[in-house]
């Protein structure tokens, strides 16, 4: 199963094209970027790969990292699009553990601190407080 770090491969490719990133990389390096993104490598590593394969005068690594973080937030908000941001939900990991929180607080907490007990990549399902499934991961 893919555990995207930033967004889908197609969206990451679009980001690279729109921002004129990866202009110095070859196809083999591009495939490694997509592999890293699809397999949950750190967002810092993704930013470094892009920076190393981009024109040095155009982008700083920190600028790329900021753009990737914004794209990741957009992707996860879209991924959980059935969730209303202000309501409290139970967000479950694959082991049946859950936390009660608003979706936006969960996203902001896990995106700002990836060392949390479980993060957005671990979410298996989201239910409302009456245990109605709002979202469930496709296996």
C-alpha atoms as a PDB file:
ATOM      1  CA  UNK A   1       0.000   0.000   0.000  1.00  0.00           C
ATOM      2  CA  UNK A   2       1.265   3.478  -0.845  1.00  0.00           C
ATOM      3  CA  UNK A   3       1.882   5.884   2.030  1.00  0.00           C
ATOM      4  CA  UNK A   4       2.263   9.178   0.206  1.00  0.00           C
ATOM      5  CA  UNK A   5       4.509  11.698   1.942  1.00  0.00           C
ATOM      6  CA  UNK A   6       3.321  14.751   0.023  1.00  0.00           C
ATOM      7  CA  UNK A   7       0.604  13.901  -2.491  1.00  0.00           C
ATOM      8  CA  UNK A   8      -0.048  11.488  -5.337  1.00  0.00           C
ATOM      9  CA  UNK A   9       2.674  10.910  -7.919  1.00  0.00           C
ATOM     10  CA  UNK A  10       0.641  12.772 -10.534  1.00  0.00           C
ATOM     11  CA  UNK A  11       0.201  15.806  -8.261  1.00  0.00           C
ATOM     12  CA  UNK A  12       3.884  15.780  -7.291  1.00  0.00           C
ATOM     13  CA  UNK A  13       4.849  15.705 -10.971  1.00  0.00           C
ATOM     14  CA  UNK A  14       2.512  18.670 -11.580  1.00  0.00           C
ATOM     15  CA  UNK A  15       4.112  20.569  -8.667  1.00  0.00           C
ATOM     16  CA  UNK A  16       7.549  19.999 -10.174  1.00  0.00           C
ATOM     17  CA  UNK A  17       6.429  21.240 -13.582  1.00  0.00           C
ATOM     18  CA  UNK A  18       4.522  24.279 -12.280  1.00  0.00           C
ATOM     19  CA  UNK A  19       7.408  25.353 -10.022  1.00  0.00           C
ATOM     20  CA  UNK A  20      10.138  24.555 -12.539  1.00  0.00           C
ATOM     21  CA  UNK A  21      11.655  22.020 -10.125  1.00  0.00           C
ATOM     22  CA  UNK A  22      13.728  18.992 -11.037  1.00  0.00           C
ATOM     23  CA  UNK A  23      15.091  20.661 -14.181  1.00  0.00           C
ATOM     24  CA  UNK A  24      18.538  19.083 -13.685  1.00  0.00           C
ATOM     25  CA  UNK A  25      17.341  15.566 -12.864  1.00  0.00           C
ATOM     26  CA  UNK A  26      17.118  12.585 -15.203  1.00  0.00           C
ATOM     27  CA  UNK A  27      14.318  10.014 -15.521  1.00  0.00           C
ATOM     28  CA  UNK A  28      16.012   7.597 -13.106  1.00  0.00           C
ATOM     29  CA  UNK A  29      16.229  10.291 -10.424  1.00  0.00           C
ATOM     30  CA  UNK A  30      12.618  11.314 -11.086  1.00  0.00           C
ATOM     31  CA  UNK A  31      11.506   7.717 -10.496  1.00  0.00           C
ATOM     32  CA  UNK A  32      13.455   7.669  -7.207  1.00  0.00           C
ATOM     33  CA  UNK A  33      11.652  10.853  -6.144  1.00  0.00           C
ATOM     34  CA  UNK A  34       8.283   9.253  -6.818  1.00  0.00           C
ATOM     35  CA  UNK A  35       9.330   6.037  -5.057  1.00  0.00           C
ATOM     36  CA  UNK A  36      10.378   8.032  -1.979  1.00  0.00           C
ATOM     37  CA  UNK A  37       7.056   9.908  -1.996  1.00  0.00           C
ATOM     38  CA  UNK A  38       4.989   6.726  -2.414  1.00  0.00           C
ATOM     39  CA  UNK A  39       6.797   4.935   0.423  1.00  0.00           C
ATOM     40  CA  UNK A  40       6.544   7.511   3.183  1.00  0.00           C
ATOM     41  CA  UNK A  41      10.066   8.993   3.174  1.00  0.00           C
ATOM     42  CA  UNK A  42      10.297  12.184   5.198  1.00  0.00           C
ATOM     43  CA  UNK A  43       9.118  15.405   3.629  1.00  0.00           C
ATOM     44  CA  UNK A  44      12.584  16.845   4.312  1.00  0.00           C
ATOM     45  CA  UNK A  45      14.108  14.048   2.228  1.00  0.00           C
ATOM     46  CA  UNK A  46      11.638  14.704  -0.610  1.00  0.00           C
ATOM     47  CA  UNK A  47      12.522  18.424  -0.528  1.00  0.00           C
ATOM     48  CA  UNK A  48      16.245  17.598  -0.609  1.00  0.00           C
ATOM     49  CA  UNK A  49      15.852  15.280  -3.604  1.00  0.00           C
ATOM     50  CA  UNK A  50      13.971  17.988  -5.498  1.00  0.00           C
ATOM     51  CA  UNK A  51      16.466  20.686  -4.489  1.00  0.00           C
ATOM     52  CA  UNK A  52      19.479  18.608  -5.562  1.00  0.00           C
ATOM     53  CA  UNK A  53      17.914  18.009  -8.972  1.00  0.00           C
ATOM     54  CA  UNK A  54      16.830  21.632  -9.529  1.00  0.00           C
ATOM     55  CA  UNK A  55      18.592  24.730 -10.819  1.00  0.00           C
ATOM     56  CA  UNK A  56      20.496  26.149  -7.818  1.00  0.00           C
ATOM     57  CA  UNK A  57      19.727  29.770  -8.619  1.00  0.00           C
ATOM     58  CA  UNK A  58      15.962  29.301  -8.681  1.00  0.00           C
ATOM     59  CA  UNK A  59      15.009  27.614  -5.400  1.00  0.00           C
ATOM     60  CA  UNK A  60      16.268  27.169  -1.853  1.00  0.00           C
ATOM     61  CA  UNK A  61      15.616  23.857  -0.111  1.00  0.00           C
ATOM     62  CA  UNK A  62      13.553  25.575   2.599  1.00  0.00           C
ATOM     63  CA  UNK A  63      11.328  27.188  -0.055  1.00  0.00           C
ATOM     64  CA  UNK A  64      10.705  23.799  -1.654  1.00  0.00           C
ATOM     65  CA  UNK A  65       9.962  22.312   1.768  1.00  0.00           C
ATOM     66  CA  UNK A  66       7.390  25.040   2.484  1.00  0.00           C
ATOM     67  CA  UNK A  67       5.681  24.412  -0.867  1.00  0.00           C
ATOM     68  CA  UNK A  68       5.604  20.650  -0.216  1.00  0.00           C
ATOM     69  CA  UNK A  69       4.081  21.143   3.243  1.00  0.00           C
ATOM     70  CA  UNK A  70       1.303  23.282   1.751  1.00  0.00           C
ATOM     71  CA  UNK A  71       0.671  20.680  -0.963  1.00  0.00           C
ATOM     72  CA  UNK A  72       0.574  17.908   1.643  1.00  0.00           C
ATOM     73  CA  UNK A  73      -1.998  19.742   3.737  1.00  0.00           C
ATOM     74  CA  UNK A  74      -4.172  20.240   0.632  1.00  0.00           C
ATOM     75  CA  UNK A  75      -3.825  16.553  -0.274  1.00  0.00           C
ATOM     76  CA  UNK A  76      -4.814  15.240   3.141  1.00  0.00           C
ATOM     77  CA  UNK A  77      -7.709  17.681   3.409  1.00  0.00           C
ATOM     78  CA  UNK A  78      -8.934  16.371   0.035  1.00  0.00           C
ATOM     79  CA  UNK A  79      -8.298  12.748   1.071  1.00  0.00           C
ATOM     80  CA  UNK A  80     -10.576  13.192   4.068  1.00  0.00           C
ATOM     81  CA  UNK A  81     -13.053  15.363   2.154  1.00  0.00           C
ATOM     82  CA  UNK A  82     -16.086  13.714   3.787  1.00  0.00           C
ATOM     83  CA  UNK A  83     -15.017  15.104   7.130  1.00  0.00           C
ATOM     84  CA  UNK A  84     -16.390  18.421   8.377  1.00  0.00           C
ATOM     85  CA  UNK A  85     -13.569  20.417   9.922  1.00  0.00           C
ATOM     86  CA  UNK A  86     -15.317  21.738  13.057  1.00  0.00           C
ATOM     87  CA  UNK A  87     -16.864  18.489  14.314  1.00  0.00           C
ATOM     88  CA  UNK A  88     -15.221  16.091  16.741  1.00  0.00           C
ATOM     89  CA  UNK A  89     -14.401  12.675  15.274  1.00  0.00           C
ATOM     90  CA  UNK A  90     -12.798   9.441  16.378  1.00  0.00           C
ATOM     91  CA  UNK A  91      -9.727   8.906  14.218  1.00  0.00           C
ATOM     92  CA  UNK A  92      -8.563   5.268  14.286  1.00  0.00           C
ATOM     93  CA  UNK A  93      -5.210   3.742  13.442  1.00  0.00           C
ATOM     94  CA  UNK A  94      -4.818   0.214  12.066  1.00  0.00           C
ATOM     95  CA  UNK A  95      -4.639  -1.273  15.583  1.00  0.00           C
ATOM     96  CA  UNK A  96      -7.987   0.026  16.819  1.00  0.00           C
ATOM     97  CA  UNK A  97      -6.490   2.905  18.813  1.00  0.00           C
ATOM     98  CA  UNK A  98      -8.249   6.207  18.347  1.00  0.00           C
ATOM     99  CA  UNK A  99      -8.209   9.794  19.405  1.00  0.00           C
ATOM    100  CA  UNK A 100     -11.127  12.185  19.658  1.00  0.00           C
ATOM    101  CA  UNK A 101     -10.411  15.498  17.976  1.00  0.00           C
ATOM    102  CA  UNK A 102     -11.530  17.795  15.220  1.00  0.00           C
ATOM    103  CA  UNK A 103     -10.136  16.785  11.878  1.00  0.00           C
ATOM    104  CA  UNK A 104      -8.296  20.073  11.306  1.00  0.00           C
ATOM    105  CA  UNK A 105      -6.623  19.861  14.737  1.00  0.00           C
ATOM    106  CA  UNK A 106      -5.566  16.288  13.989  1.00  0.00           C
ATOM    107  CA  UNK A 107      -4.094  17.352  10.664  1.00  0.00           C
ATOM    108  CA  UNK A 108      -2.287  20.353  12.068  1.00  0.00           C
ATOM    109  CA  UNK A 109      -0.902  18.366  15.030  1.00  0.00           C
ATOM    110  CA  UNK A 110       0.395  15.466  12.957  1.00  0.00           C
ATOM    111  CA  UNK A 111       1.783  17.651  10.186  1.00  0.00           C
ATOM    112  CA  UNK A 112       3.667  19.872  12.623  1.00  0.00           C
ATOM    113  CA  UNK A 113       5.027  16.966  14.680  1.00  0.00           C
ATOM    114  CA  UNK A 114       5.547  13.728  12.694  1.00  0.00           C
ATOM    115  CA  UNK A 115       6.757  11.924  15.831  1.00  0.00           C
ATOM    116  CA  UNK A 116       3.203  11.829  17.251  1.00  0.00           C
ATOM    117  CA  UNK A 117       1.914   8.425  18.388  1.00  0.00           C
ATOM    118  CA  UNK A 118       0.105   7.982  15.095  1.00  0.00           C
ATOM    119  CA  UNK A 119      -0.056  10.296  12.158  1.00  0.00           C
ATOM    120  CA  UNK A 120      -2.210  10.804   9.107  1.00  0.00           C
ATOM    121  CA  UNK A 121      -0.434   7.957   7.284  1.00  0.00           C
ATOM    122  CA  UNK A 122      -1.624   5.522   9.981  1.00  0.00           C
ATOM    123  CA  UNK A 123      -5.315   6.444   9.811  1.00  0.00           C
ATOM    124  CA  UNK A 124      -7.486   3.462   8.943  1.00  0.00           C
ATOM    125  CA  UNK A 125     -10.911   5.023   9.514  1.00  0.00           C
ATOM    126  CA  UNK A 126     -12.766   8.041  10.834  1.00  0.00           C
ATOM    127  CA  UNK A 127     -16.112   7.832  12.611  1.00  0.00           C
ATOM    128  CA  UNK A 128     -18.414  10.434  14.043  1.00  0.00           C
ATOM    129  CA  UNK A 129     -19.168  10.321  17.762  1.00  0.00           C
ATOM    130  CA  UNK A 130     -22.069   7.921  17.107  1.00  0.00           C
ATOM    131  CA  UNK A 131     -19.611   5.481  15.479  1.00  0.00           C
ATOM    132  CA  UNK A 132     -20.954   6.043  11.958  1.00  0.00           C
ATOM    133  CA  UNK A 133     -18.089   5.583   9.488  1.00  0.00           C
ATOM    134  CA  UNK A 134     -17.263   8.840   7.748  1.00  0.00           C
ATOM    135  CA  UNK A 135     -14.174   7.594   5.930  1.00  0.00           C
ATOM    136  CA  UNK A 136     -12.408   4.245   5.654  1.00  0.00           C
ATOM    137  CA  UNK A 137      -9.113   3.401   3.946  1.00  0.00           C
ATOM    138  CA  UNK A 138      -9.293   1.279   0.817  1.00  0.00           C
ATOM    139  CA  UNK A 139      -7.104  -1.799   1.245  1.00  0.00           C
END
